[in-house]
Protein backbone atom coordinates (compact mmCIF):
# COMPACT_ATOMS: atom_id res chain seq x y z
CA MET A 1 122.90 95.01 69.22
CA HIS A 2 126.51 93.90 70.24
CA GLY A 3 127.98 97.10 71.16
CA TRP A 4 125.45 97.31 73.89
CA LEU A 5 126.18 93.88 75.09
CA ALA A 6 129.96 94.74 75.15
CA GLN A 7 129.09 97.79 77.01
CA LYS A 8 126.98 95.78 79.54
CA MET A 9 129.72 93.07 79.93
CA LEU A 10 132.40 95.85 80.26
CA MET A 11 130.69 97.33 83.30
CA GLU A 12 129.82 94.22 84.72
CA LYS A 13 133.77 93.68 84.94
CA ASN A 14 134.15 97.33 86.41
CA TYR A 15 135.77 98.82 83.20
CA ARG A 16 135.09 102.46 82.82
CA VAL A 17 132.73 102.71 79.51
CA LEU A 18 132.11 106.20 77.40
CA PRO A 19 129.64 105.15 75.03
CA VAL A 20 129.26 107.22 71.56
CA SER A 21 126.36 107.54 69.47
CA LEU A 22 125.19 110.07 67.08
CA LYS A 23 121.74 108.69 67.32
CA GLU A 24 121.25 107.94 70.91
CA LYS A 25 121.21 110.15 74.14
CA GLU A 26 121.96 107.31 76.45
CA ILE A 27 122.99 103.50 76.27
CA GLY A 28 122.86 101.12 78.88
CA GLY A 29 122.01 103.82 81.68
CA LEU A 30 124.93 106.09 80.76
CA PRO A 31 124.96 109.34 78.77
CA ALA A 32 126.12 108.78 75.17
CA LEU A 33 128.86 111.13 73.82
CA ALA A 34 127.88 112.26 70.45
CA THR A 35 131.48 112.05 69.05
CA ILE A 36 134.98 110.56 69.73
CA ASN A 37 135.74 114.32 69.90
CA ASP A 38 133.59 114.56 73.12
CA ILE A 39 135.92 112.30 74.98
CA HIS A 40 138.26 114.39 77.40
CA GLU A 41 140.20 111.62 79.19
CA PRO A 42 142.78 108.99 78.33
CA VAL A 43 141.28 105.88 76.60
CA ASP A 44 143.14 102.72 76.79
CA THR A 45 140.94 100.59 74.52
CA LEU A 46 138.45 101.52 71.82
CA THR A 47 136.45 98.94 70.78
CA LEU A 48 134.33 99.64 67.48
CA TYR A 49 130.86 99.03 66.39
CA LEU A 50 130.76 100.77 63.13
CA SER A 51 130.59 100.03 59.48
CA PRO A 52 134.23 100.08 57.67
CA ASP A 53 133.00 103.54 55.95
CA LYS A 54 132.12 105.02 59.16
CA VAL A 55 135.49 103.75 60.50
CA ASP A 56 137.23 105.45 57.66
CA ALA A 57 135.57 108.69 58.26
CA CYS A 58 136.45 109.14 61.86
CA VAL A 59 140.19 107.81 61.72
CA LYS A 60 141.35 111.23 62.32
CA ASP A 61 139.45 111.52 65.32
CA ILE A 62 140.62 108.10 66.70
CA LEU A 63 144.37 109.51 65.94
CA ALA A 64 143.71 112.24 68.03
CA LEU A 65 142.19 110.38 70.80
CA LYS A 66 145.66 108.17 70.89
CA PRO A 67 143.83 105.14 72.48
CA ARG A 68 146.65 102.68 73.28
CA ARG A 69 144.37 99.88 71.28
CA VAL A 70 141.73 99.62 68.96
CA ILE A 71 139.43 96.55 68.44
CA PHE A 72 137.59 96.17 65.20
CA ASN A 73 134.97 93.97 66.01
CA PRO A 74 133.55 91.54 63.31
CA GLY A 75 131.93 93.72 60.42
CA THR A 76 134.19 97.00 61.58
CA GLU A 77 137.36 96.02 59.54
CA SER A 78 138.74 98.65 57.57
CA ALA A 79 142.20 97.81 56.16
CA ALA A 80 142.72 101.50 55.75
CA ALA A 81 141.99 102.56 58.70
CA MET A 82 143.80 99.79 60.60
CA GLN A 83 146.83 100.54 58.76
CA GLN A 84 146.86 104.27 59.54
CA LEU A 85 146.38 103.59 63.48
CA GLN A 86 149.44 101.13 63.25
CA ASN A 87 151.34 103.28 61.40
CA ASN A 88 150.72 105.98 64.26
CA GLY A 89 151.71 103.62 67.17
CA ILE A 90 148.18 102.45 68.05
CA ASP A 91 147.80 98.74 68.45
CA VAL A 92 144.80 97.03 66.29
CA GLU A 93 143.03 93.86 67.13
CA GLN A 94 140.69 92.10 64.70
CA ALA A 95 138.43 90.35 67.42
CA CYS A 96 135.34 90.20 69.07
CA THR A 97 135.15 92.21 72.26
CA LEU A 98 132.47 89.92 73.74
CA VAL A 99 134.79 86.68 73.02
CA LEU A 100 137.57 88.56 74.61
CA LEU A 101 135.83 89.17 77.78
CA ARG A 102 134.32 85.82 78.18
CA THR A 103 137.68 84.03 77.60
CA GLY A 104 139.66 86.54 79.77
CA GLN A 105 141.64 88.00 76.66
CA PHE A 106 140.49 91.45 77.08
CA ASP A 107 143.23 93.09 78.85
């Protein structure tokens, strides 16, 4: 639920959004990509709404994507994943994307 709200707010603020979902074909009017590996353009910020075990399972894909920053929303935190990303030069932030957007701290 929060992922969809974050997508909606990002779109309202004119950010380009590429939703990823194994289950959904469309999210918020946008086609959903099946995996992170289906993203074929530079990504500044990846905001996660996954359980920690699913985050751990996709760390290699995140590293291959090379986003500038990954936001670990509440409930997604994985110390191992965060450490791996930081070790590879990716900024990691433990925060709520919705709060960052609402308070002007997203950028």
